[in-house]
All heavy atoms as atom14 arrays in JSON, in Angstrom:
{
  "sequence": "KGNESDLRSVDFYPGNGTFDLMYYPYYGKITHVNYTSPLVAMHFT",
  "atom14_mask": [
    [1, 1, 1, 1, 1, 1, 1, 1, 1, 0, 0, 0, 0, 0],
    [1, 1, 1, 1, 0, 0, 0, 0, 0, 0, 0, 0, 0, 0],
    [1, 1, 1, 1, 1, 1, 1, 1, 0, 0, 0, 0, 0, 0],
    [1, 1, 1, 1, 1, 1, 1, 1, 1, 0, 0, 0, 0, 0],
    [1, 1, 1, 1, 1, 1, 0, 0, 0, 0, 0, 0, 0, 0],
    [1, 1, 1, 1, 1, 1, 1, 1, 0, 0, 0, 0, 0, 0],
    [1, 1, 1, 1, 1, 1, 1, 1, 0, 0, 0, 0, 0, 0],
    [1, 1, 1, 1, 1, 1, 1, 1, 1, 1, 1, 0, 0, 0],
    [1, 1, 1, 1, 1, 1, 0, 0, 0, 0, 0, 0, 0, 0],
    [1, 1, 1, 1, 1, 1, 1, 0, 0, 0, 0, 0, 0, 0],
    [1, 1, 1, 1, 1, 1, 1, 1, 0, 0, 0, 0, 0, 0],
    [1, 1, 1, 1, 1, 1, 1, 1, 1, 1, 1, 0, 0, 0],
    [1, 1, 1, 1, 1, 1, 1, 1, 1, 1, 1, 1, 0, 0],
    [1, 1, 1, 1, 1, 1, 1, 0, 0, 0, 0, 0, 0, 0],
    [1, 1, 1, 1, 0, 0, 0, 0, 0, 0, 0, 0, 0, 0],
    [1, 1, 1, 1, 1, 1, 1, 1, 0, 0, 0, 0, 0, 0],
    [1, 1, 1, 1, 0, 0, 0, 0, 0, 0, 0, 0, 0, 0],
    [1, 1, 1, 1, 1, 1, 1, 0, 0, 0, 0, 0, 0, 0],
    [1, 1, 1, 1, 1, 1, 1, 1, 1, 1, 1, 0, 0, 0],
    [1, 1, 1, 1, 1, 1, 1, 1, 0, 0, 0, 0, 0, 0],
    [1, 1, 1, 1, 1, 1, 1, 1, 0, 0, 0, 0, 0, 0],
    [1, 1, 1, 1, 1, 1, 1, 1, 0, 0, 0, 0, 0, 0],
    [1, 1, 1, 1, 1, 1, 1, 1, 1, 1, 1, 1, 0, 0],
    [1, 1, 1, 1, 1, 1, 1, 1, 1, 1, 1, 1, 0, 0],
    [1, 1, 1, 1, 1, 1, 1, 0, 0, 0, 0, 0, 0, 0],
    [1, 1, 1, 1, 1, 1, 1, 1, 1, 1, 1, 1, 0, 0],
    [1, 1, 1, 1, 1, 1, 1, 1, 1, 1, 1, 1, 0, 0],
    [1, 1, 1, 1, 0, 0, 0, 0, 0, 0, 0, 0, 0, 0],
    [1, 1, 1, 1, 1, 1, 1, 1, 1, 0, 0, 0, 0, 0],
    [1, 1, 1, 1, 1, 1, 1, 1, 0, 0, 0, 0, 0, 0],
    [1, 1, 1, 1, 1, 1, 1, 0, 0, 0, 0, 0, 0, 0],
    [1, 1, 1, 1, 1, 1, 1, 1, 1, 1, 0, 0, 0, 0],
    [1, 1, 1, 1, 1, 1, 1, 0, 0, 0, 0, 0, 0, 0],
    [1, 1, 1, 1, 1, 1, 1, 1, 0, 0, 0, 0, 0, 0],
    [1, 1, 1, 1, 1, 1, 1, 1, 1, 1, 1, 1, 0, 0],
    [1, 1, 1, 1, 1, 1, 1, 0, 0, 0, 0, 0, 0, 0],
    [1, 1, 1, 1, 1, 1, 0, 0, 0, 0, 0, 0, 0, 0],
    [1, 1, 1, 1, 1, 1, 1, 0, 0, 0, 0, 0, 0, 0],
    [1, 1, 1, 1, 1, 1, 1, 1, 0, 0, 0, 0, 0, 0],
    [1, 1, 1, 1, 1, 1, 1, 0, 0, 0, 0, 0, 0, 0],
    [1, 1, 1, 1, 1, 0, 0, 0, 0, 0, 0, 0, 0, 0],
    [1, 1, 1, 1, 1, 1, 1, 1, 0, 0, 0, 0, 0, 0],
    [1, 1, 1, 1, 1, 1, 1, 1, 1, 1, 0, 0, 0, 0],
    [1, 1, 1, 1, 1, 1, 1, 1, 1, 1, 1, 0, 0, 0],
    [1, 1, 1, 1, 1, 1, 1, 0, 0, 0, 0, 0, 0, 0]
  ],
  "atom14_positions": [
    [[111.55, -2.78, 142.59], [113.07, -2.77, 142.67], [113.51, -1.32, 142.99], [113.25, -0.42, 142.23], [113.63, -3.21, 141.32], [115.17, -3.25, 141.34], [115.69, -3.89, 140.03], [115.29, -3.16, 138.82], [115.9, -3.76, 137.58], [0.0, 0.0, 0.0], [0.0, 0.0, 0.0], [0.0, 0.0, 0.0], [0.0, 0.0, 0.0], [0.0, 0.0, 0.0]],
    [[114.18, -1.17, 144.12], [114.57, 0.14, 144.53], [114.1, 0.54, 145.93], [113.77, -0.36, 146.7], [0.0, 0.0, 0.0], [0.0, 0.0, 0.0], [0.0, 0.0, 0.0], [0.0, 0.0, 0.0], [0.0, 0.0, 0.0], [0.0, 0.0, 0.0], [0.0, 0.0, 0.0], [0.0, 0.0, 0.0], [0.0, 0.0, 0.0], [0.0, 0.0, 0.0]],
    [[114.06, 1.83, 146.19], [113.71, 2.31, 147.48], [112.15, 2.39, 147.62], [111.49, 2.98, 146.76], [114.35, 3.71, 147.69], [114.29, 4.17, 149.1], [113.34, 3.94, 149.86], [115.41, 4.76, 149.6], [0.0, 0.0, 0.0], [0.0, 0.0, 0.0], [0.0, 0.0, 0.0], [0.0, 0.0, 0.0], [0.0, 0.0, 0.0], [0.0, 0.0, 0.0]],
    [[111.64, 1.87, 148.72], [110.21, 1.91, 148.9], [109.61, 3.33, 148.96], [108.45, 3.55, 148.61], [109.81, 1.17, 150.19], [110.07, -0.3, 150.14], [109.63, -0.96, 151.47], [109.04, -0.33, 152.34], [109.85, -2.18, 151.63], [0.0, 0.0, 0.0], [0.0, 0.0, 0.0], [0.0, 0.0, 0.0], [0.0, 0.0, 0.0], [0.0, 0.0, 0.0]],
    [[110.45, 4.32, 149.33], [109.98, 5.69, 149.43], [109.79, 6.33, 148.04], [109.26, 7.47, 147.97], [110.95, 6.54, 150.26], [112.18, 6.57, 149.65], [0.0, 0.0, 0.0], [0.0, 0.0, 0.0], [0.0, 0.0, 0.0], [0.0, 0.0, 0.0], [0.0, 0.0, 0.0], [0.0, 0.0, 0.0], [0.0, 0.0, 0.0], [0.0, 0.0, 0.0]],
    [[110.2, 5.66, 147.01], [110.02, 6.18, 145.65], [108.48, 6.23, 145.28], [108.11, 6.98, 144.42], [110.76, 5.32, 144.58], [112.26, 5.43, 144.78], [112.71, 6.36, 145.45], [112.98, 4.58, 144.19], [0.0, 0.0, 0.0], [0.0, 0.0, 0.0], [0.0, 0.0, 0.0], [0.0, 0.0, 0.0], [0.0, 0.0, 0.0], [0.0, 0.0, 0.0]],
    [[107.71, 5.38, 145.96], [106.3, 5.35, 145.76], [105.61, 5.64, 147.06], [105.5, 4.82, 147.94], [105.81, 3.99, 145.24], [104.33, 3.72, 144.99], [103.82, 4.71, 143.95], [104.08, 2.33, 144.54], [0.0, 0.0, 0.0], [0.0, 0.0, 0.0], [0.0, 0.0, 0.0], [0.0, 0.0, 0.0], [0.0, 0.0, 0.0], [0.0, 0.0, 0.0]],
    [[105.15, 6.88, 147.24], [104.73, 7.32, 148.54], [103.19, 7.27, 148.73], [102.71, 7.18, 149.83], [105.2, 8.75, 148.83], [106.75, 8.86, 148.99], [107.18, 10.27, 149.23], [107.22, 11.09, 148.01], [108.28, 11.14, 147.2], [109.36, 10.54, 147.52], [108.21, 11.87, 146.1], [0.0, 0.0, 0.0], [0.0, 0.0, 0.0], [0.0, 0.0, 0.0]],
    [[102.47, 7.29, 147.6], [101.01, 7.27, 147.76], [100.36, 6.77, 146.49], [100.71, 7.19, 145.36], [100.54, 8.7, 148.05], [99.11, 8.74, 148.18], [0.0, 0.0, 0.0], [0.0, 0.0, 0.0], [0.0, 0.0, 0.0], [0.0, 0.0, 0.0], [0.0, 0.0, 0.0], [0.0, 0.0, 0.0], [0.0, 0.0, 0.0], [0.0, 0.0, 0.0]],
    [[99.4, 5.88, 146.69], [98.53, 5.37, 145.57], [97.11, 5.3, 146.07], [96.84, 4.71, 147.12], [99.0, 3.95, 145.13], [98.18, 3.59, 143.88], [100.46, 3.86, 144.86], [0.0, 0.0, 0.0], [0.0, 0.0, 0.0], [0.0, 0.0, 0.0], [0.0, 0.0, 0.0], [0.0, 0.0, 0.0], [0.0, 0.0, 0.0], [0.0, 0.0, 0.0]],
    [[96.16, 5.84, 145.3], [94.78, 5.73, 145.59], [94.14, 4.68, 144.63], [94.52, 4.64, 143.43], [94.03, 7.05, 145.41], [94.5, 8.08, 146.43], [94.93, 7.66, 147.55], [94.5, 9.3, 146.12], [0.0, 0.0, 0.0], [0.0, 0.0, 0.0], [0.0, 0.0, 0.0], [0.0, 0.0, 0.0], [0.0, 0.0, 0.0], [0.0, 0.0, 0.0]],
    [[93.16, 3.9, 145.15], [92.57, 2.86, 144.34], [91.05, 3.15, 144.19], [90.41, 3.58, 145.13], [92.74, 1.5, 144.99], [94.21, 1.05, 145.08], [94.91, 1.34, 146.2], [94.76, 0.38, 144.05], [96.26, 0.91, 146.3], [96.09, -0.08, 144.15], [96.82, 0.24, 145.27], [0.0, 0.0, 0.0], [0.0, 0.0, 0.0], [0.0, 0.0, 0.0]],
    [[90.54, 2.91, 142.98], [89.13, 3.07, 142.7], [88.71, 1.86, 141.86], [89.46, 1.33, 141.07], [88.84, 4.35, 141.91], [89.39, 5.6, 142.52], [90.54, 6.23, 141.96], [88.82, 6.21, 143.65], [91.09, 7.36, 142.53], [89.37, 7.33, 144.22], [90.45, 7.93, 143.62], [90.93, 9.06, 144.17], [0.0, 0.0, 0.0], [0.0, 0.0, 0.0]],
    [[87.39, 1.44, 141.96], [86.43, 1.95, 142.94], [86.66, 1.39, 144.35], [87.37, 0.37, 144.56], [85.14, 1.35, 142.4], [85.52, 0.13, 141.69], [86.83, 0.34, 141.13], [0.0, 0.0, 0.0], [0.0, 0.0, 0.0], [0.0, 0.0, 0.0], [0.0, 0.0, 0.0], [0.0, 0.0, 0.0], [0.0, 0.0, 0.0], [0.0, 0.0, 0.0]],
    [[86.1, 2.1, 145.34], [86.16, 1.69, 146.72], [87.6, 1.54, 147.15], [88.45, 2.42, 147.0], [0.0, 0.0, 0.0], [0.0, 0.0, 0.0], [0.0, 0.0, 0.0], [0.0, 0.0, 0.0], [0.0, 0.0, 0.0], [0.0, 0.0, 0.0], [0.0, 0.0, 0.0], [0.0, 0.0, 0.0], [0.0, 0.0, 0.0], [0.0, 0.0, 0.0]],
    [[87.91, 0.38, 147.69], [89.25, 0.14, 148.19], [90.1, -0.75, 147.25], [91.0, -1.46, 147.61], [89.17, -0.64, 149.54], [88.34, -1.84, 149.52], [87.73, -2.16, 148.48], [88.28, -2.61, 150.6], [0.0, 0.0, 0.0], [0.0, 0.0, 0.0], [0.0, 0.0, 0.0], [0.0, 0.0, 0.0], [0.0, 0.0, 0.0], [0.0, 0.0, 0.0]],
    [[89.75, -0.67, 145.93], [90.54, -1.36, 144.93], [90.28, -2.84, 144.85], [91.22, -3.65, 144.92], [0.0, 0.0, 0.0], [0.0, 0.0, 0.0], [0.0, 0.0, 0.0], [0.0, 0.0, 0.0], [0.0, 0.0, 0.0], [0.0, 0.0, 0.0], [0.0, 0.0, 0.0], [0.0, 0.0, 0.0], [0.0, 0.0, 0.0], [0.0, 0.0, 0.0]],
    [[88.96, -3.22, 144.76], [88.6, -4.61, 144.58], [87.79, -4.85, 143.4], [87.16, -3.97, 142.8], [87.77, -5.09, 145.83], [86.59, -4.29, 145.93], [88.62, -4.97, 147.13], [0.0, 0.0, 0.0], [0.0, 0.0, 0.0], [0.0, 0.0, 0.0], [0.0, 0.0, 0.0], [0.0, 0.0, 0.0], [0.0, 0.0, 0.0], [0.0, 0.0, 0.0]],
    [[87.81, -6.15, 142.94], [86.98, -6.57, 141.83], [85.72, -7.18, 142.4], [85.75, -8.26, 143.0], [87.72, -7.64, 140.94], [88.91, -7.04, 140.21], [90.19, -7.05, 140.73], [88.67, -6.48, 138.92], [91.23, -6.55, 140.06], [89.76, -5.96, 138.21], [91.05, -6.02, 138.76], [0.0, 0.0, 0.0], [0.0, 0.0, 0.0], [0.0, 0.0, 0.0]],
    [[84.59, -6.5, 142.26], [83.34, -6.94, 142.86], [82.94, -8.33, 142.29], [83.08, -8.59, 141.1], [82.23, -5.96, 142.6], [81.04, -6.09, 143.58], [80.39, -7.18, 143.49], [80.81, -5.21, 144.36], [0.0, 0.0, 0.0], [0.0, 0.0, 0.0], [0.0, 0.0, 0.0], [0.0, 0.0, 0.0], [0.0, 0.0, 0.0], [0.0, 0.0, 0.0]],
    [[82.42, -9.2, 143.17], [82.01, -10.54, 142.77], [80.95, -10.54, 141.69], [80.79, -11.49, 140.94], [81.58, -11.3, 143.98], [82.55, -11.5, 145.11], [81.97, -12.33, 146.25], [83.85, -12.21, 144.59], [0.0, 0.0, 0.0], [0.0, 0.0, 0.0], [0.0, 0.0, 0.0], [0.0, 0.0, 0.0], [0.0, 0.0, 0.0], [0.0, 0.0, 0.0]],
    [[80.1, -9.48, 141.63], [78.94, -9.48, 140.76], [79.3, -9.55, 139.3], [78.5, -9.87, 138.46], [78.05, -8.24, 141.03], [78.67, -6.95, 140.65], [77.51, -5.59, 141.06], [78.54, -4.15, 140.64], [0.0, 0.0, 0.0], [0.0, 0.0, 0.0], [0.0, 0.0, 0.0], [0.0, 0.0, 0.0], [0.0, 0.0, 0.0], [0.0, 0.0, 0.0]],
    [[80.57, -9.32, 138.93], [80.99, -9.39, 137.54], [81.47, -10.76, 137.11], [81.93, -10.94, 135.99], [82.13, -8.36, 137.29], [81.73, -6.95, 137.59], [82.12, -6.26, 138.71], [80.84, -6.26, 136.69], [81.72, -4.96, 138.99], [80.43, -4.92, 136.94], [80.88, -4.33, 138.11], [80.46, -3.01, 138.38], [0.0, 0.0, 0.0], [0.0, 0.0, 0.0]],
    [[81.28, -11.7, 138.0], [81.67, -13.07, 137.72], [80.58, -14.06, 137.97], [79.7, -13.8, 138.85], [82.9, -13.41, 138.58], [84.08, -12.46, 138.36], [84.21, -11.37, 139.29], [84.92, -12.57, 137.28], [85.25, -10.48, 139.06], [85.94, -11.64, 137.08], [86.1, -10.62, 137.97], [87.14, -9.71, 137.75], [0.0, 0.0, 0.0], [0.0, 0.0, 0.0]],
    [[80.5, -15.2, 137.3], [81.47, -15.66, 136.29], [81.23, -15.05, 134.93], [80.1, -14.49, 134.69], [81.24, -17.18, 136.26], [79.74, -17.31, 136.63], [79.48, -16.24, 137.65], [0.0, 0.0, 0.0], [0.0, 0.0, 0.0], [0.0, 0.0, 0.0], [0.0, 0.0, 0.0], [0.0, 0.0, 0.0], [0.0, 0.0, 0.0], [0.0, 0.0, 0.0]],
    [[82.21, -15.12, 134.1], [82.1, -14.73, 132.7], [81.69, -15.95, 131.84], [82.21, -17.04, 132.04], [83.47, -14.15, 132.22], [83.63, -13.91, 130.75], [82.8, -12.99, 130.1], [84.6, -14.57, 130.05], [82.99, -12.78, 128.74], [84.78, -14.34, 128.72], [83.95, -13.45, 128.05], [84.13, -13.2, 126.69], [0.0, 0.0, 0.0], [0.0, 0.0, 0.0]],
    [[80.75, -15.73, 130.95], [80.17, -16.84, 130.15], [80.7, -16.95, 128.74], [80.13, -17.77, 127.99], [78.64, -16.76, 130.2], [78.09, -17.09, 131.55], [77.79, -16.13, 132.49], [77.8, -18.39, 131.95], [77.26, -16.39, 133.71], [77.28, -18.71, 133.16], [77.01, -17.69, 134.06], [76.52, -18.01, 135.3], [0.0, 0.0, 0.0], [0.0, 0.0, 0.0]],
    [[81.65, -16.13, 128.34], [82.18, -16.21, 126.97], [81.6, -15.19, 126.05], [80.49, -14.69, 126.23], [0.0, 0.0, 0.0], [0.0, 0.0, 0.0], [0.0, 0.0, 0.0], [0.0, 0.0, 0.0], [0.0, 0.0, 0.0], [0.0, 0.0, 0.0], [0.0, 0.0, 0.0], [0.0, 0.0, 0.0], [0.0, 0.0, 0.0], [0.0, 0.0, 0.0]],
    [[82.33, -14.81, 125.05], [82.05, -13.67, 124.14], [80.77, -13.96, 123.28], [80.17, -12.99, 122.84], [83.21, -13.29, 123.26], [83.66, -14.38, 122.29], [84.82, -13.87, 121.45], [85.29, -14.88, 120.42], [86.41, -14.4, 119.63], [0.0, 0.0, 0.0], [0.0, 0.0, 0.0], [0.0, 0.0, 0.0], [0.0, 0.0, 0.0], [0.0, 0.0, 0.0]],
    [[80.44, -15.23, 123.04], [79.3, -15.51, 122.16], [77.97, -15.15, 122.86], [77.08, -14.57, 122.27], [79.32, -16.98, 121.7], [80.5, -17.24, 120.79], [78.06, -17.29, 120.95], [80.66, -18.64, 120.3], [0.0, 0.0, 0.0], [0.0, 0.0, 0.0], [0.0, 0.0, 0.0], [0.0, 0.0, 0.0], [0.0, 0.0, 0.0], [0.0, 0.0, 0.0]],
    [[77.83, -15.53, 124.15], [76.64, -15.32, 124.87], [76.65, -14.12, 125.81], [75.67, -13.47, 126.07], [76.2, -16.53, 125.7], [77.32, -16.9, 126.54], [75.92, -17.74, 124.76], [0.0, 0.0, 0.0], [0.0, 0.0, 0.0], [0.0, 0.0, 0.0], [0.0, 0.0, 0.0], [0.0, 0.0, 0.0], [0.0, 0.0, 0.0], [0.0, 0.0, 0.0]],
    [[77.85, -13.77, 126.27], [77.99, -12.65, 127.18], [78.44, -11.38, 126.34], [79.48, -10.84, 126.57], [79.04, -12.92, 128.26], [78.66, -12.53, 129.63], [79.13, -13.1, 130.76], [77.68, -11.65, 130.1], [78.58, -12.61, 131.84], [77.72, -11.72, 131.44], [0.0, 0.0, 0.0], [0.0, 0.0, 0.0], [0.0, 0.0, 0.0], [0.0, 0.0, 0.0]],
    [[77.56, -11.06, 125.4], [77.93, -10.13, 124.34], [78.25, -8.72, 124.8], [79.09, -8.01, 124.26], [76.84, -10.07, 123.24], [76.76, -11.38, 122.5], [75.49, -9.77, 123.83], [0.0, 0.0, 0.0], [0.0, 0.0, 0.0], [0.0, 0.0, 0.0], [0.0, 0.0, 0.0], [0.0, 0.0, 0.0], [0.0, 0.0, 0.0], [0.0, 0.0, 0.0]],
    [[77.54, -8.22, 125.86], [77.78, -6.86, 126.34], [78.67, -6.74, 127.52], [78.79, -5.69, 128.17], [76.42, -6.21, 126.67], [75.58, -5.98, 125.41], [76.08, -5.66, 124.34], [74.27, -6.18, 125.53], [0.0, 0.0, 0.0], [0.0, 0.0, 0.0], [0.0, 0.0, 0.0], [0.0, 0.0, 0.0], [0.0, 0.0, 0.0], [0.0, 0.0, 0.0]],
    [[79.32, -7.89, 127.84], [80.18, -7.9, 129.05], [81.32, -6.97, 128.94], [82.09, -6.96, 127.91], [80.67, -9.34, 129.24], [81.52, -9.52, 130.53], [80.91, -9.79, 131.71], [82.93, -9.47, 130.45], [81.69, -9.99, 132.87], [83.7, -9.63, 131.6], [83.05, -9.91, 132.78], [83.84, -10.12, 133.91], [0.0, 0.0, 0.0], [0.0, 0.0, 0.0]],
    [[81.56, -6.14, 129.95], [82.73, -5.28, 130.04], [83.46, -5.67, 131.31], [82.89, -5.68, 132.37], [82.38, -3.77, 130.04], [81.21, -3.58, 130.88], [82.08, -3.28, 128.65], [0.0, 0.0, 0.0], [0.0, 0.0, 0.0], [0.0, 0.0, 0.0], [0.0, 0.0, 0.0], [0.0, 0.0, 0.0], [0.0, 0.0, 0.0], [0.0, 0.0, 0.0]],
    [[84.71, -5.96, 131.18], [85.55, -6.37, 132.33], [85.61, -5.33, 133.41], [85.79, -4.14, 133.09], [86.96, -6.74, 131.87], [87.0, -7.79, 130.94], [0.0, 0.0, 0.0], [0.0, 0.0, 0.0], [0.0, 0.0, 0.0], [0.0, 0.0, 0.0], [0.0, 0.0, 0.0], [0.0, 0.0, 0.0], [0.0, 0.0, 0.0], [0.0, 0.0, 0.0]],
    [[85.43, -5.76, 134.66], [85.6, -4.76, 135.76], [87.07, -4.3, 135.8], [87.98, -4.98, 135.37], [85.27, -5.55, 137.02], [85.52, -7.01, 136.63], [85.2, -7.07, 135.14], [0.0, 0.0, 0.0], [0.0, 0.0, 0.0], [0.0, 0.0, 0.0], [0.0, 0.0, 0.0], [0.0, 0.0, 0.0], [0.0, 0.0, 0.0], [0.0, 0.0, 0.0]],
    [[87.27, -3.1, 136.32], [88.57, -2.48, 136.38], [88.91, -2.01, 137.81], [88.02, -1.76, 138.61], [88.6, -1.28, 135.43], [88.18, -1.47, 133.98], [88.11, -0.11, 133.28], [89.18, -2.31, 133.27], [0.0, 0.0, 0.0], [0.0, 0.0, 0.0], [0.0, 0.0, 0.0], [0.0, 0.0, 0.0], [0.0, 0.0, 0.0], [0.0, 0.0, 0.0]],
    [[90.18, -1.92, 138.06], [90.61, -1.18, 139.23], [91.57, -0.1, 138.79], [92.51, -0.37, 137.99], [91.34, -2.13, 140.22], [92.09, -1.32, 141.29], [90.37, -3.03, 140.97], [0.0, 0.0, 0.0], [0.0, 0.0, 0.0], [0.0, 0.0, 0.0], [0.0, 0.0, 0.0], [0.0, 0.0, 0.0], [0.0, 0.0, 0.0], [0.0, 0.0, 0.0]],
    [[91.3, 1.1, 139.17], [92.14, 2.27, 138.78], [93.12, 2.5, 139.9], [92.77, 2.52, 141.11], [91.26, 3.52, 138.56], [0.0, 0.0, 0.0], [0.0, 0.0, 0.0], [0.0, 0.0, 0.0], [0.0, 0.0, 0.0], [0.0, 0.0, 0.0], [0.0, 0.0, 0.0], [0.0, 0.0, 0.0], [0.0, 0.0, 0.0], [0.0, 0.0, 0.0]],
    [[94.39, 2.77, 139.48], [95.45, 3.07, 140.44], [95.94, 4.48, 140.14], [96.39, 4.77, 139.08], [96.61, 2.03, 140.28], [96.1, 0.61, 140.38], [97.3, -0.66, 139.9], [97.49, -0.31, 138.17], [0.0, 0.0, 0.0], [0.0, 0.0, 0.0], [0.0, 0.0, 0.0], [0.0, 0.0, 0.0], [0.0, 0.0, 0.0], [0.0, 0.0, 0.0]],
    [[95.71, 5.35, 141.14], [96.06, 6.78, 140.98], [97.36, 7.04, 141.72], [97.35, 7.09, 142.96], [94.93, 7.61, 141.49], [95.07, 9.07, 141.12], [94.27, 10.05, 141.67], [95.84, 9.74, 140.23], [94.54, 11.21, 141.1], [95.52, 11.05, 140.3], [0.0, 0.0, 0.0], [0.0, 0.0, 0.0], [0.0, 0.0, 0.0], [0.0, 0.0, 0.0]],
    [[98.42, 7.23, 140.97], [99.76, 7.41, 141.58], [99.94, 8.86, 141.88], [100.49, 9.64, 141.1], [100.85, 6.85, 140.61], [100.78, 5.35, 140.43], [99.99, 4.81, 139.48], [101.5, 4.49, 141.34], [99.93, 3.45, 139.29], [101.42, 3.16, 141.17], [100.62, 2.57, 140.15], [0.0, 0.0, 0.0], [0.0, 0.0, 0.0], [0.0, 0.0, 0.0]],
    [[99.52, 9.27, 143.08], [99.45, 10.68, 143.46], [100.76, 11.21, 143.98], [100.96, 12.43, 144.05], [98.36, 10.89, 144.5], [98.61, 10.01, 145.61], [96.97, 10.56, 143.95], [0.0, 0.0, 0.0], [0.0, 0.0, 0.0], [0.0, 0.0, 0.0], [0.0, 0.0, 0.0], [0.0, 0.0, 0.0], [0.0, 0.0, 0.0], [0.0, 0.0, 0.0]]
  ]
}
């Protein structure tokens, strides 16, 4: 909401800001005990 120029640059990590397929499917907390959800970082530069 507002002027598009208020947000001039965002960098995404890792890569081009995607959730890699290798982290799926998730099998549940009982058996997938060490599972850590993949993340995308948004750097508002």
